[in-house]
Each structure stands twice: as structure tokens, then as C-alpha cells.
Protein backbone atom coordinates (compact mmCIF):
# COMPACT_ATOMS: atom_id res chain seq x y z
CA ALA A 1 97.71 103.67 104.82
CA ASP A 2 99.94 106.61 105.65
CA GLY A 3 101.69 106.27 108.98
CA LEU A 4 104.93 105.71 110.78
CA PHE A 5 106.13 102.12 111.08
CA VAL A 6 108.33 101.00 113.96
CA THR A 7 110.28 97.73 113.90
CA ASP A 8 110.98 95.77 117.09
CA TYR A 9 113.32 92.79 117.44
CA PHE A 10 113.17 90.03 120.07
CA THR A 11 115.35 86.95 120.47
CA ARG A 12 115.69 84.01 122.84
CA THR A 13 118.67 81.96 124.02
CA PRO A 14 119.26 78.71 122.08
CA ARG A 15 118.00 75.62 123.90
CA LYS A 16 118.63 71.91 123.48
CA LEU A 17 115.64 70.02 122.07
CA SER A 18 114.55 66.62 123.38
CA PRO A 19 112.57 63.77 121.81
CA PHE A 20 108.88 64.05 122.59
CA ARG A 21 107.60 61.87 125.42
CA SER A 22 105.09 64.24 127.00
CA PHE A 23 104.53 67.99 127.17
CA ALA A 24 107.10 68.04 129.98
CA SER A 25 109.81 67.20 127.42
CA ILE A 26 109.17 70.11 125.02
CA GLU A 27 110.92 73.47 124.97
CA LEU A 28 108.55 76.42 125.43
CA PHE A 29 109.27 80.01 124.36
CA HIS A 30 107.24 83.05 125.40
CA PHE A 31 106.92 86.22 123.29
CA HIS A 32 104.82 89.36 123.54
CA ILE A 33 103.46 91.12 120.44
CA PRO A 34 102.55 94.79 120.94
CA GLU A 35 99.31 96.41 119.83
CA ASP A 36 98.89 97.81 116.31
CA THR A 37 101.30 95.22 114.85
CA VAL A 38 100.80 94.76 111.12
CA ILE A 39 103.21 91.87 110.59
CA ALA A 40 105.18 89.47 112.78
CA VAL A 41 108.01 87.34 111.40
CA TRP A 42 109.54 84.47 113.35
CA ASN A 43 113.01 83.46 112.23
CA LEU A 44 113.59 79.88 113.40
CA ILE A 45 117.24 78.78 113.65
CA ILE A 46 118.27 75.16 114.32
CA PHE A 47 121.84 73.88 114.42
CA LYS A 48 123.64 70.70 115.47
CA GLU A 49 126.44 70.32 117.95
CA GLN A 50 128.61 67.34 118.84
CA GLY A 51 131.44 67.54 121.34
CA GLY A 52 131.54 71.34 121.26
CA THR A 53 131.87 71.53 117.47
CA PHE A 54 129.47 71.52 114.54
CA GLY A 55 127.65 68.22 114.26
CA ASP A 56 128.11 67.51 110.57
CA GLN A 57 127.94 63.77 111.21
CA CYS A 58 124.72 63.92 113.24
CA PRO A 59 121.63 62.46 111.56
CA ASP A 60 118.95 64.80 110.25
CA ARG A 61 115.95 64.81 112.59
CA SER A 62 112.85 66.86 111.81
CA ILE A 63 111.83 69.56 114.29
CA THR A 64 108.20 70.45 114.90
CA VAL A 65 107.29 73.95 116.09
CA TYR A 66 103.84 74.98 117.35
CA PHE A 67 102.46 78.53 117.56
CA ARG A 68 99.54 79.78 119.62
CA SER A 69 98.27 83.15 120.80
CA GLY A 70 97.23 83.70 124.40
CA ALA A 71 98.41 80.40 125.91
CA PRO A 72 100.74 77.45 125.18
CA SER A 73 99.72 75.00 122.48
CA VAL A 74 97.89 71.82 123.46
CA ILE A 75 99.78 69.37 121.27
CA ASN A 76 99.30 65.65 120.69
CA PRO A 77 101.96 64.34 118.28
CA LEU A 78 101.58 60.77 119.57
CA HIS A 79 97.81 60.81 118.84
CA THR A 80 96.86 59.71 122.33
CA HIS A 81 93.36 59.91 123.78
CA PHE A 82 92.42 62.94 125.82
CA PRO A 83 90.50 62.52 129.09
CA ARG A 84 86.73 62.83 128.94
CA ASP A 85 85.15 66.29 128.85
CA THR A 86 88.41 67.88 127.68
CA ALA A 87 88.34 70.68 125.10
CA VAL A 88 91.38 70.86 122.82
CA PRO A 89 92.16 74.34 121.44
CA GLY A 90 93.81 74.57 118.05
CA SER A 91 97.24 75.87 117.12
CA PHE A 92 99.55 76.30 114.12
CA ALA A 93 102.23 73.68 113.46
CA LEU A 94 105.35 73.85 111.31
CA THR A 95 107.84 71.04 110.56
CA LEU A 96 111.40 72.05 109.71
CA THR A 97 113.75 69.96 107.59
CA TRP A 98 117.50 70.33 107.11
CA THR A 99 118.91 72.34 104.20
CA LEU A 100 122.57 72.33 105.32
CA PRO A 101 124.64 69.60 107.02
CA ASN A 102 124.67 71.32 110.42
CA ARG A 103 122.24 74.22 110.22
CA THR A 104 118.77 75.08 108.93
CA THR A 105 116.38 77.99 109.20
CA GLY A 106 112.66 78.53 108.81
CA VAL A 107 110.37 81.53 108.61
CA PHE A 108 106.83 81.86 109.93
CA ASN A 109 104.92 85.03 108.99
CA VAL A 110 101.71 86.25 110.63
CA THR A 111 99.97 89.24 109.08
CA SER A 112 98.08 91.41 111.56
CA PRO A 113 98.67 89.08 114.51
CA LEU A 114 96.62 89.28 117.67
CA PRO A 115 98.40 91.38 120.29
CA GLY A 116 99.55 89.96 123.59
CA ASP A 117 101.27 86.73 124.57
CA TRP A 118 102.43 84.23 121.96
CA PHE A 119 103.94 80.84 122.74
CA LEU A 120 106.21 78.60 120.70
CA ALA A 121 106.70 74.92 121.55
CA ALA A 122 109.38 72.80 119.84
CA HIS A 123 110.49 69.18 120.09
CA LEU A 124 112.24 66.34 118.25
CA PRO A 125 110.40 63.21 117.07
CA LYS A 126 109.79 60.40 119.53
CA ASP A 127 112.82 58.24 120.25
CA GLU A 128 113.05 54.96 118.36
CA GLY A 129 113.81 53.11 121.60
CA LYS A 130 117.34 51.98 120.67
CA ILE A 131 119.73 51.21 123.53
CA SER A 132 123.13 52.87 123.31
CA VAL A 133 126.08 52.96 125.67
CA LYS A 134 126.56 56.44 127.04
CA GLY A 135 130.10 57.83 126.96
CA LEU A 136 131.47 55.84 124.00
CA TYR A 137 130.85 58.75 121.65
CA GLU A 138 129.83 62.37 121.82
CA GLU A 139 126.08 62.91 121.93
CA CYS A 140 124.41 64.86 119.12
CA GLN A 141 122.60 67.96 120.32
CA TYR A 142 119.97 69.86 118.39
CA LEU A 143 119.68 73.52 119.44
CA PHE A 144 116.72 75.74 118.61
CA GLN A 145 116.66 79.54 118.71
CA PRO A 146 113.57 81.60 117.72
CA GLN A 147 113.79 85.27 116.81
CA LEU A 148 110.83 87.63 116.39
CA ILE A 149 110.65 90.75 114.23
CA VAL A 150 107.48 92.85 114.44
CA GLN A 151 106.46 95.91 112.49
CA ARG A 152 103.80 98.07 114.10
CA LEU A 153 102.01 101.20 113.02
CA VAL A 154 102.05 104.18 115.40
CA ASN A 155 99.61 107.08 115.65
CA ILE A 156 96.61 105.24 114.23
CA ALA A 157 93.67 107.63 114.04
CA VAL A 158 91.09 107.05 116.76
CA LEU A 159 87.36 107.13 116.02
CA TYR A 160 85.17 108.51 118.81
CA PRO A 161 81.70 106.95 119.03
CA GLY A 162 79.07 109.32 117.76
CA TYR A 163 81.50 111.70 116.07
CA VAL A 164 82.00 112.10 112.34
CA THR A 165 85.55 111.91 111.01
CA GLU A 166 86.15 113.51 107.61
CA GLN A 167 88.84 112.08 105.39
CA SER A 168 90.27 112.81 101.96
CA MET A 169 92.21 109.95 100.38
CA ALA A 170 94.88 111.18 97.99
CA PRO A 171 95.49 109.41 94.65
CA HIS A 172 98.72 107.80 95.90
CA ASN A 173 97.03 106.39 99.02
CA ARG A 174 95.33 103.02 98.96
CA SER A 175 93.69 102.91 102.39
CA CYS A 176 93.00 104.62 105.71
CA LEU A 177 93.15 102.80 109.03
CA TYR A 178 91.26 103.75 112.19
CA LYS A 179 90.49 102.15 115.54
CA VAL A 180 87.70 102.52 118.08
CA PHE A 181 87.55 101.21 121.65
CA VAL A 182 84.56 99.03 122.52
CA PRO A 183 83.74 99.09 126.25
CA SER A 184 81.85 96.52 128.29
CA TYR A 185 78.10 96.04 127.85
CA THR A 186 78.20 96.88 124.15
CA SER A 187 75.88 94.74 122.07
CA ARG A 188 76.40 96.26 118.64
CA VAL A 189 79.01 98.18 116.68
CA LEU A 190 77.81 100.08 113.61
CA VAL A 191 80.41 101.52 111.22
CA GLU A 192 79.14 103.75 108.43
CA VAL A 193 80.74 105.59 105.51
CA LEU A 194 78.92 108.85 104.65
CA ARG A 195 79.15 111.41 101.86
CA CYS A 196 81.52 109.37 99.78
CA HIS A 197 82.63 111.09 96.56
CA GLY A 198 85.01 109.62 94.03
CA ALA A 199 85.61 109.15 90.33
CA GLU A 200 83.32 106.12 90.20
CA GLY A 201 80.72 106.78 92.85
CA CYS A 202 82.01 105.36 96.14
CA PRO A 203 84.88 103.02 95.16
CA LEU A 204 85.66 101.90 98.71
CA TRP A 205 85.86 98.70 100.71
CA LEU A 206 84.94 98.83 104.40
CA ARG A 207 86.62 96.22 106.59
CA VAL A 208 86.37 95.74 110.36
CA ARG A 209 88.26 93.42 112.70
CA ALA A 210 88.69 93.09 116.46
CA LYS A 211 92.04 93.36 118.27
CA ALA A 212 94.21 93.69 115.13
CA PRO A 213 94.15 95.44 111.74
CA PRO A 214 91.80 93.78 109.20
CA LEU A 215 92.87 91.05 106.81
CA HIS A 216 91.61 90.15 103.34
CA ASN A 217 89.13 87.68 104.87
CA SER A 218 87.86 90.01 107.61
CA THR A 219 84.28 91.23 107.73
CA ALA A 220 83.98 93.48 104.67
CA LEU A 221 81.47 95.52 102.69
CA ASP A 222 81.70 96.93 99.15
CA CYS A 223 80.40 100.50 99.31
CA ARG A 224 79.73 100.56 95.55
CA GLU A 225 77.06 97.88 95.93
CA HIS A 226 75.53 98.96 99.25
CA SER A 227 73.89 102.26 100.00
CA PRO A 228 74.07 103.30 102.75
CA CYS A 229 77.49 101.77 103.37
CA GLN A 230 76.93 100.33 106.84
CA LEU A 231 78.68 97.44 108.54
CA ALA A 232 77.13 96.14 111.76
CA LEU A 233 78.79 93.75 114.21
CA ASP A 234 76.64 92.13 116.86
CA LEU A 235 78.09 90.84 120.14
CA PRO A 236 81.49 92.54 119.83
CA PHE A 237 84.36 91.68 122.15
CA TRP A 238 84.32 93.82 125.26
CA GLN A 239 87.24 95.98 126.38
CA HIS A 240 89.07 95.71 123.07
CA TRP A 241 90.04 97.89 120.15
CA TYR A 242 88.21 97.41 116.85
CA TYR A 243 90.09 98.36 113.70
CA VAL A 244 88.36 99.96 110.71
CA LEU A 245 90.04 99.86 107.31
CA VAL A 246 88.68 101.97 104.44
CA GLU A 247 90.33 100.70 101.28
CA LYS A 248 90.18 102.10 97.76
CA HIS A 249 89.38 99.83 94.82
CA PRO A 250 92.41 99.09 92.60
CA GLY A 251 92.88 101.40 89.62
CA VAL A 252 90.59 104.18 90.85
CA PRO A 253 92.04 107.57 89.85
CA GLY A 254 91.74 110.86 91.67
CA THR A 255 90.93 111.77 95.24
CA VAL A 256 88.17 110.10 97.23
CA SER A 257 86.55 112.02 100.09
CA PHE A 258 84.27 110.46 102.69
CA GLN A 259 83.16 110.53 106.30
CA VAL A 260 83.37 107.73 108.87
CA VAL A 261 81.19 107.40 111.95
CA VAL A 262 80.89 104.66 114.56
CA GLN A 263 77.84 104.05 116.75
CA LEU A 264 77.95 101.78 119.82
CA THR A 265 74.75 100.33 121.25
CA ASP A 266 74.59 99.91 125.00
CA CYS A 267 72.94 96.54 125.59
CA SER A 268 71.69 97.59 129.01
CA ARG A 269 69.55 100.09 127.06
CA PRO A 270 69.02 98.55 123.60
CA SER A 271 66.97 101.47 122.29
CA LEU A 272 69.75 103.95 122.98
CA ALA A 273 73.17 104.41 121.47
CA ARG A 274 76.04 105.56 123.58
CA PRO A 275 76.22 109.35 123.85
CA PRO A 276 78.88 110.97 121.70
CA PHE A 277 80.56 112.53 124.72
CA LEU A 278 80.81 111.28 128.28
CA PRO A 279 81.90 113.17 131.39
CA SER A 280 84.94 110.99 132.00
CA SER A 281 86.87 108.17 130.39
CA ALA A 282 85.96 105.89 133.29
CA SER A 283 82.35 105.98 132.17
CA MET A 284 83.26 103.84 129.18
CA ASN A 285 85.92 101.75 130.99
CA MET A 286 88.34 103.15 128.43
CA PRO A 287 92.08 103.11 129.10
CA HIS A 288 93.68 106.53 129.55
CA SER A 289 96.37 105.60 127.03
CA PHE A 290 93.79 106.06 124.33
CA GLY A 291 96.19 105.54 121.46
CA SER A 292 95.71 108.85 119.67
CA ALA A 293 98.52 111.16 118.74
CA GLY A 294 97.93 113.32 121.81
CA GLY A 295 97.27 110.42 124.18
CA LEU A 296 94.10 112.06 125.48
CA GLY A 297 91.46 110.35 127.53
CA LEU A 298 87.93 110.54 126.25
CA GLY A 299 86.82 112.82 129.05
CA ASP A 300 89.97 114.90 129.35
CA SER A 301 89.15 117.15 126.41
CA PRO A 302 86.93 117.10 123.32
CA PRO A 303 88.08 114.83 120.49
CA PRO A 304 91.03 116.30 118.62
CA THR A 305 90.62 117.66 115.16
CA SER A 306 91.94 115.48 112.36
CA PRO A 307 94.69 117.02 110.19
CA ASN A 308 92.59 116.85 107.05
CA GLY A 309 89.11 116.85 108.47
CA THR A 310 86.84 117.90 111.28
CA LYS A 311 84.90 115.99 113.86
CA HIS A 312 81.47 116.91 115.09
CA PRO A 313 78.78 114.99 116.93
CA ILE A 314 75.81 113.61 115.07
CA PRO A 315 72.34 113.03 116.49
CA ILE A 316 71.86 109.73 118.29
CA PRO A 317 69.20 107.61 116.58
CA THR A 318 66.33 106.46 118.74
CA ASN A 319 65.10 103.74 116.40
CA SER A 320 68.00 101.33 116.71
CA PRO A 321 67.39 97.76 115.60
CA SER A 322 65.90 95.51 118.21
CA ILE A 323 68.75 93.68 119.92
CA GLU A 324 68.47 91.31 122.82
CA ARG A 325 69.37 93.13 125.99
CA CYS A 326 72.28 92.05 128.15
CA TRP A 327 71.73 90.83 131.66
CA PRO A 328 73.68 91.68 134.80
CA VAL A 329 76.98 89.85 135.03
CA ARG A 330 77.65 88.33 138.43
CA PRO A 331 81.32 88.41 139.47
CA THR A 332 83.23 85.57 141.08
CA LEU A 333 85.57 85.74 144.04
CA ARG A 334 89.10 84.57 143.34
CA ASN A 335 90.73 82.45 146.07
CA GLU A 336 94.35 81.48 145.37
CA LEU A 337 95.46 78.37 147.24
CA ASP A 338 98.71 77.61 145.43
CA THR A 339 100.32 77.87 142.01
CA PHE A 340 97.61 77.02 139.44
CA SER A 341 95.30 76.12 142.33
CA VAL A 342 92.61 78.78 142.26
CA HIS A 343 88.94 78.51 143.20
CA PHE A 344 86.31 80.90 141.87
CA TYR A 345 83.49 81.35 144.36
CA ILE A 346 80.11 82.78 143.49
CA PHE A 347 78.55 85.27 145.83
CA PHE A 348 75.55 83.68 147.54
CA GLY A 349 76.57 80.38 145.90
CA PRO A 350 77.60 77.75 144.92
CA ASN A 351 73.94 76.92 144.24
CA VAL A 352 72.63 79.08 141.41
CA SER A 353 68.99 79.72 140.54
CA VAL A 354 68.26 79.88 136.81
CA PRO A 355 64.91 81.63 136.28
CA PRO A 356 62.78 80.74 133.25
CA ASP A 357 62.60 84.25 131.81
CA ARG A 358 66.25 85.31 131.75
CA PRO A 359 69.76 83.82 131.74
CA ALA A 360 72.17 83.86 134.64
CA VAL A 361 75.56 85.23 133.58
CA PHE A 362 78.83 84.86 135.49
CA VAL A 363 82.34 86.05 134.76
CA ILE A 364 85.61 84.24 135.53
CA ASN A 365 88.70 86.41 135.26
CA LEU A 366 91.99 84.69 134.45
CA LEU A 367 95.08 86.78 135.09
CA PRO A 368 97.44 87.41 132.17
CA VAL A 369 100.38 84.98 131.95
CA LEU A 370 99.86 83.65 135.50
CA ASP A 371 96.78 81.50 134.79
CA SER A 372 97.40 80.26 131.25
CA GLY A 373 99.69 77.40 132.27
CA GLY A 374 97.08 75.35 134.14
CA VAL A 375 93.67 73.76 133.47
CA LEU A 376 90.33 75.59 133.73
CA ASN A 377 87.71 73.23 135.18
CA LEU A 378 83.96 73.79 135.14
CA GLU A 379 81.33 71.58 136.74
CA LEU A 380 77.53 71.83 136.57
CA ARG A 381 75.31 69.67 138.75
CA LEU A 382 71.52 69.96 138.48
CA ASN A 383 69.29 69.71 141.53
CA VAL A 384 66.64 67.43 140.03
CA SER A 385 64.19 68.07 142.88
CA SER A 386 63.94 71.74 141.84
CA LEU A 387 62.39 70.85 138.45
CA CYS A 388 58.96 69.97 139.91
CA GLY A 389 58.60 67.12 137.42
CA GLU A 390 59.11 69.33 134.35
CA ASN A 391 61.31 68.26 131.43
CA VAL A 392 63.81 71.07 131.96
CA THR A 393 67.29 71.28 130.46
CA VAL A 394 69.79 73.86 131.67
CA PHE A 395 72.23 74.95 128.98
CA GLY A 396 75.51 76.69 129.72
CA CYS A 397 77.61 78.63 127.23
CA LEU A 398 81.20 79.42 128.14
CA ASN A 399 82.59 82.16 125.88
CA HIS A 400 85.75 84.18 125.93
CA GLU A 401 85.58 87.98 126.29
CA VAL A 402 81.85 88.41 125.66
CA PRO A 403 78.75 86.62 127.03
CA LEU A 404 76.50 84.87 124.54
CA THR A 405 72.79 84.68 125.29
CA SER A 406 71.04 83.63 122.13
CA GLY A 407 67.37 84.39 121.71
CA ASP A 408 66.86 81.43 119.38
CA ASN A 409 65.28 78.70 121.48
CA ALA A 410 64.93 76.14 118.69
CA SER A 411 68.67 75.69 118.10
CA VAL A 412 70.90 75.62 121.14
CA THR A 413 74.44 76.60 120.25
CA CYS A 414 77.28 78.63 121.71
CA GLU A 415 78.64 79.82 118.39
CA THR A 416 78.00 82.67 115.99
CA GLU A 417 79.75 83.83 112.84
CA SER A 418 82.42 85.59 114.89
CA LEU A 419 82.25 83.76 118.23
CA SER A 420 82.92 80.22 119.34
CA GLY A 421 82.32 78.76 122.76
CA PHE A 422 81.76 75.59 124.77
CA LEU A 423 78.34 74.08 125.44
CA LEU A 424 77.31 72.30 128.63
CA SER A 425 73.89 70.86 129.42
CA VAL A 426 72.26 69.11 132.38
CA ASN A 427 68.80 67.62 132.79
CA ALA A 428 66.99 65.06 134.91
CA THR A 429 68.64 62.17 133.05
CA ALA A 430 72.21 63.53 132.95
CA SER A 431 72.46 65.79 135.98
CA LEU A 432 76.24 66.29 135.85
CA SER A 433 78.35 67.97 133.18
CA ARG A 434 82.06 68.78 133.24
CA LEU A 435 84.41 70.77 131.05
CA ARG A 436 88.21 70.96 131.15
CA ILE A 437 90.23 73.45 129.13
CA PRO A 438 94.00 72.88 129.30
CA TYR A 439 96.09 76.01 128.91
CA PRO A 440 93.14 78.43 128.70
CA GLN A 441 93.44 81.88 127.23
CA THR A 442 93.57 84.58 129.87
CA GLY A 443 91.07 87.39 130.27
CA SER A 444 87.36 87.23 131.02
CA TRP A 445 85.38 84.02 130.51
CA TYR A 446 81.59 84.40 130.60
CA LEU A 447 79.25 81.57 131.55
CA SER A 448 75.62 82.05 130.52
CA LEU A 449 73.05 79.65 132.01
CA ARG A 450 69.47 79.40 130.77
CA SER A 451 66.71 76.88 131.30
CA LEU A 452 64.52 75.55 128.48
CA CYS A 453 61.77 72.97 128.41
CA ALA A 454 61.80 70.19 125.81
CA THR A 455 58.61 69.87 123.75
CA GLU A 456 57.68 68.12 120.55
CA HIS A 457 58.46 71.36 118.70
CA GLY A 458 61.92 71.70 120.21
CA PHE A 459 63.06 73.73 123.17
CA GLU A 460 60.82 76.49 124.47
CA PRO A 461 60.99 78.82 127.45
CA CYS A 462 59.75 77.26 130.66
CA THR A 463 56.97 78.70 132.77
CA ASN A 464 57.11 79.01 136.54
CA VAL A 465 60.06 76.63 136.92
CA THR A 466 63.28 77.92 138.43
CA ALA A 467 66.06 75.36 138.08
CA GLU A 468 68.77 75.12 140.71
CA VAL A 469 72.31 74.30 139.62
CA TYR A 470 75.46 73.68 141.62
CA LEU A 471 78.29 75.54 139.88
CA ARG A 472 81.95 74.89 140.54
CA ALA A 473 84.79 76.63 138.69
CA TYR A 474 88.44 76.25 139.54
CA LEU A 475 91.94 76.25 138.12
CA SER A 476 94.18 73.20 138.62
CA PRO A 477 97.76 72.44 137.53
CA CYS A 478 96.92 69.20 135.64
CA ILE A 479 93.88 67.17 134.66
CA ASN A 480 92.85 65.06 137.68
CA ASP A 481 96.37 65.52 139.06
CA CYS A 482 97.56 63.09 136.32
CA GLY A 483 95.79 60.13 137.98
CA ILE A 484 97.59 57.19 139.59
CA TYR A 485 99.87 56.56 136.61
CA GLY A 486 101.42 60.01 136.34
CA GLN A 487 103.00 62.90 138.16
CA CYS A 488 102.05 66.55 137.74
CA LYS A 489 105.20 68.58 137.25
CA LEU A 490 105.56 72.34 137.58
CA LEU A 491 107.83 73.59 134.80
CA ARG A 492 109.43 76.94 134.10
CA THR A 493 110.74 78.69 131.03
CA ASN A 494 112.44 81.95 131.96
CA ASN A 495 109.77 83.73 134.04
CA TYR A 496 106.80 81.72 132.77
CA LEU A 497 105.36 78.81 134.80
CA TYR A 498 103.26 75.96 133.42
CA ALA A 499 102.33 72.43 134.47
CA ALA A 500 102.30 69.12 132.60
CA CYS A 501 101.90 65.41 133.31
CA GLU A 502 104.75 62.93 133.17
CA CYS A 503 103.32 59.43 132.85
CA LYS A 504 104.79 56.08 133.91
CA ALA A 505 104.22 52.35 133.34
CA GLY A 506 103.57 52.90 129.62
CA TRP A 507 100.56 55.19 130.14
CA ASN A 508 100.26 58.27 127.93
CA GLY A 509 98.08 61.31 127.31
CA TRP A 510 97.43 64.67 128.91
CA GLY A 511 95.94 63.06 132.01
CA CYS A 512 97.89 59.77 131.80
CA THR A 513 94.63 58.04 130.88
CA ASP A 514 95.62 56.43 127.55
CA ASN A 515 96.41 52.75 128.19
CA ALA A 516 97.15 51.75 124.59
CA GLU A 517 100.80 51.03 125.47
CA ALA A 518 100.37 50.52 129.21
CA PHE A 519 102.19 47.71 130.95
CA SER A 520 100.01 44.99 132.46
CA TYR A 521 99.95 44.46 136.21
CA GLY A 522 101.72 41.13 135.85
CA PHE A 523 104.50 42.68 133.77
CA GLN A 524 105.00 45.46 136.33
CA LEU A 525 105.08 42.91 139.17
CA LEU A 526 107.55 40.70 137.28
CA SER A 527 109.83 43.67 136.55
CA THR A 528 109.84 44.66 140.21
CA LEU A 529 110.54 41.10 141.39
CA LEU A 530 113.36 40.61 138.88
CA LEU A 531 114.93 43.87 139.98
CA CYS A 532 114.71 42.93 143.65
CA LEU A 533 115.58 39.25 143.34
CA SER A 534 118.61 39.98 141.21
CA ASN A 535 120.19 41.52 144.30
CA VAL A 536 120.07 38.14 146.02
CA MET A 537 123.01 37.18 143.82
CA PHE A 538 125.13 39.41 146.05
CA VAL A 539 124.62 37.05 149.03
CA PRO A 540 127.27 34.46 147.94
CA PRO A 541 129.99 37.11 147.43
CA VAL A 542 129.14 38.62 150.82
CA ALA A 543 129.39 35.21 152.52
CA ILE A 544 132.70 34.43 150.83
CA ALA A 545 134.12 37.86 151.73
CA VAL A 546 133.12 37.49 155.40
CA ARG A 547 134.52 33.96 155.56
CA SER A 548 137.82 35.18 154.08
CA HIS A 549 137.87 38.17 156.51
CA TYR A 550 137.54 40.70 153.66
CA LEU A 551 135.24 42.90 155.73
CA LEU A 552 135.64 46.03 153.61
CA GLU A 553 134.67 44.16 150.44
CA ALA A 554 131.75 42.53 152.27
CA ALA A 555 130.51 45.98 153.35
CA VAL A 556 130.68 47.22 149.74
CA TYR A 557 128.69 44.22 148.49
CA ILE A 558 126.04 44.66 151.20
CA PHE A 559 125.73 48.37 150.41
CA THR A 560 125.35 47.62 146.68
CA MET A 561 122.79 44.87 147.35
CA PHE A 562 120.47 47.13 149.33
CA PHE A 563 120.76 50.35 147.34
CA SER A 564 121.01 49.16 143.73
CA THR A 565 117.22 49.07 143.33
């Protein structure tokens, strides 16, 4: 697509890597990728040092680097067991090997990366456990420095809902890129290509993706095989940009002209599309930095005219497809107690009534950067006495950035083709359900609760039974405060704070709950006794020193005996 590309460069100070023992021993790097980025390239530099010079004699040790968008990676290189009810988000991993005696580099490319915070975590392999005398030789140090180069496209054309944008694609152009802002309470995005004229009918591909420009595997439609060329997305992400890519088929000669229009369906009124023009930008919760060439808000002036086309409103259809309506979203009150110690209180809660005819939807807002370094905890407890003897199951779906309330009662799931979430359920038999998400992505998390009755034909809507659920949501630094065999440590990398467990007595894992290599109680007691009883050997030297009137030496021995443990 035609446009102006801008290249930005970011770098971080080299840091010394440590062997992996727990997440507290890794080195964490924080980057920010701007919007409209088409490619991000990480240049990973590792070099050895020994005694202030190049460490040519240092052994080659592999370095593992993890990448994740939105929050730090939840890594488990030792393959330990996670605590119960813990969700483990995925991340990318890259292992670097040495190409030169004292230096190596690696490259990690991401095409059309998600904008916002990105985190890199790096560490050395676990120590082999060899004992060495410190100070006899210079220690080998392995330093890691990441660098980020991003290329972003400026002045991307903005599509206004309900307005037609005319475009003429010249023979030397392969594609045209647009973006449209999707506000809250939008249940459907419909992108349509109209009046397409080319050498071979309509030789265009229509691709749509949220948050970043489309990729080859994004939702796509071949306009040559579909008439009309319409691409519909149900349950889009709220408060995000959606990117529309119109791409010409390879080898198509001549100019291709077409029109693009986007329709947004307001789920509070499923039979109506959003009007093509609103009185103010606040009506659509749209940011004033709208991203167009003029930087105009939606309500500040009518949509600007495209350089090679015109925009005009089209009639709003009244026969939109039947889409399940969205229900009111109840906010939560944020109460900050300490760093990563936040409670989310429900108005008129914590007991929640789940009616049989509609879901109860709640939103939990996690602040950018500040809340991603802890653990998001969710707890559901069913009041069995409220079921009136019915076989009721309350299902909860926790989804990021858009609530999911499926109308399919036979299959209970929190996932669609474009969404993935976490499922919780409580009933009379199992009245308690918990969920822990370490290092959660920031933004809005939506919890949808609905009650269904189990029958021989599957789950069906209940009648005249309102279930009562105790709901607790909070943010904590570590899982269960790392238990009795660990310590929760607050760590910092530049201006970013995060927490991690540091385990003891051979225990491992994110909550110090993995006892595969744990020391037995007898071994711990024996180690303590040997350490303490070994100091008794200082008693004879103390007695001899006092008898010989060497009081200063006796004082040194007594001091060493009491404080050497």
C-alpha cells in the first residue's frame, strides 16, 4: 500500500545473565511498540566477559529468550508443576547458540505485531551444581543486550462507519490499507466491497484484523468467488482499531476501482446499525486522536474527502441479521491496598444474583503496565440453598476485551474462532471454583455468568430459579504468597515492577508447590543440627584461650561461635 513509513529504534543497556533457578533470577526487558507498526525486528546481542576483557576462554552456554505481548512471559524451563487452578498463557521462545568465540547475535522478526507493551525474558541454563572456590579465577559473565527496530505506517486512511469510501488502485499498487475504530457495545463488524471493476471482474482479496494490519492468515475473503463481497466479524474487540486490507490478485493488469463501506451493529439495539454520523466523538467512545491525516474527531467535522474518492453516507439497513443482544455491564470498584494488592468490589455485592433468563456481566479493569506484574485471582462460590433443589450449574466465562455470552446452551464453552477465554463452573456438588492468571494482560476483563439446568438432553435454560453466587476478584503479588516454602519478592527492571517467588528447601514452581526435589523434614533438621552443633567445636579453643589469659582471642572465638550460623 502507498504510504509513508517511519522507522524507530530502541535499545536497552546490557545486563548480566544468571542461571535459571526461578523467575526471580531472569532478566526482564520492557519495550513499547507503537500503533500501525508493520514489522518489528529484535536484534539480540550476547557477548562474554572475563576480568574486564573478552571471554574467549569461557564455555559456550545457550541463552533462552522469551517474547510476549501485553505482560511478561510465564516460563517453566524446569518443567515444574503449577499450582491448582492456574492458567498458563503462552509465549514465544528462542534459543541462541554461539557463532563466534566471544560474541553471538540473533534476530527475531514479528510482522504486524500487536501494539503496546512487549516483554523479553532471558536466562542461562540451570547450574550443574558444581562447587568452585570463588576468587581463584575470574568469573565468566554473559551479557545480553536487546535492540528493537520498528517500521510503522503513518497516515493510514480511516473508514467512518456508514460512509462509502471510493478508491482507485493503480496498476503499480498491490493493496490499500484502512482502519476503523470499533467502540464499546459493538456486536458485529461488517466490511463490504462495492462496485468493484477490474480487468477480471473483481480481482481483490478482503482481509480484516484487529489491533494490527492483517497477515496472510488473517480473516480473508476472495471477492472473485463471493458476491456480494462481505466480511462479517461477530463479537469484535471493543475500543480497538480494526484494519482492513484490500489486496489485488497477483498478475492482474490495469486499474481496479471499488468502494469500501463498514457497518457497525450496536448490540444494545441489534436491529439497528450505528448511525453514519454522531453529534460528538464521545458518543462512540472514540479517541480524539482519530488517526487520520487531519487528526479530526468524529464529531468535530464531517469525514474528510479522500484524495482519489468521495465519501457519502449510505442508508442504514433495518433488516440486520439476528444477533444476540448484549447485556448491561456492571463495573467494579478498584481498591488499592499495596503494590499488586488490589481488590475489585462489586456494587451491591459480593453476592451476585444470576437470573435464569439473562447473564450477569462484570468488568475488571487492569491498569496498563502497573497491574501486569502480579496475579489475577477469581473465586466463585455458589450458595447451594438458593437453588431450591434444582440441578443448576452456574458457568462463568472470563474473556479479555469483549464479553462472551453464547446463545448455544448445548455446548458450554468460552471460545470462538477469534476469541479464547477461561471457563469456571459451580454447582451443588462442586460449589467452589478458582482461577489464577499469573502476569495477566492489562485492559478490560469481562466475566459473564449464566445459570443452566442439566437435563438428559444437555444444558437448558432454567425456569424460576435465580442462583446466588459469591464473587471475589483481586490482584495479588504471588500465588498464595508463595506458601510456607517460598518468599514473594518484588522485583524491578528500570521503571517496571513485577513479583516472583523464590523457593527454599528444594521446593520449586510458581507457587513453591512442586516437591519433586524437596528436602525431607529429617534432612532439614539434620542440616540445621549439624550447622549448630559444629559451633560447639569452638568451646575447647575458648577454654584454652581463657586459661592462657588470651582474652582477645577468646572473645574472637566466642563471637565466631555465636554468629557463624
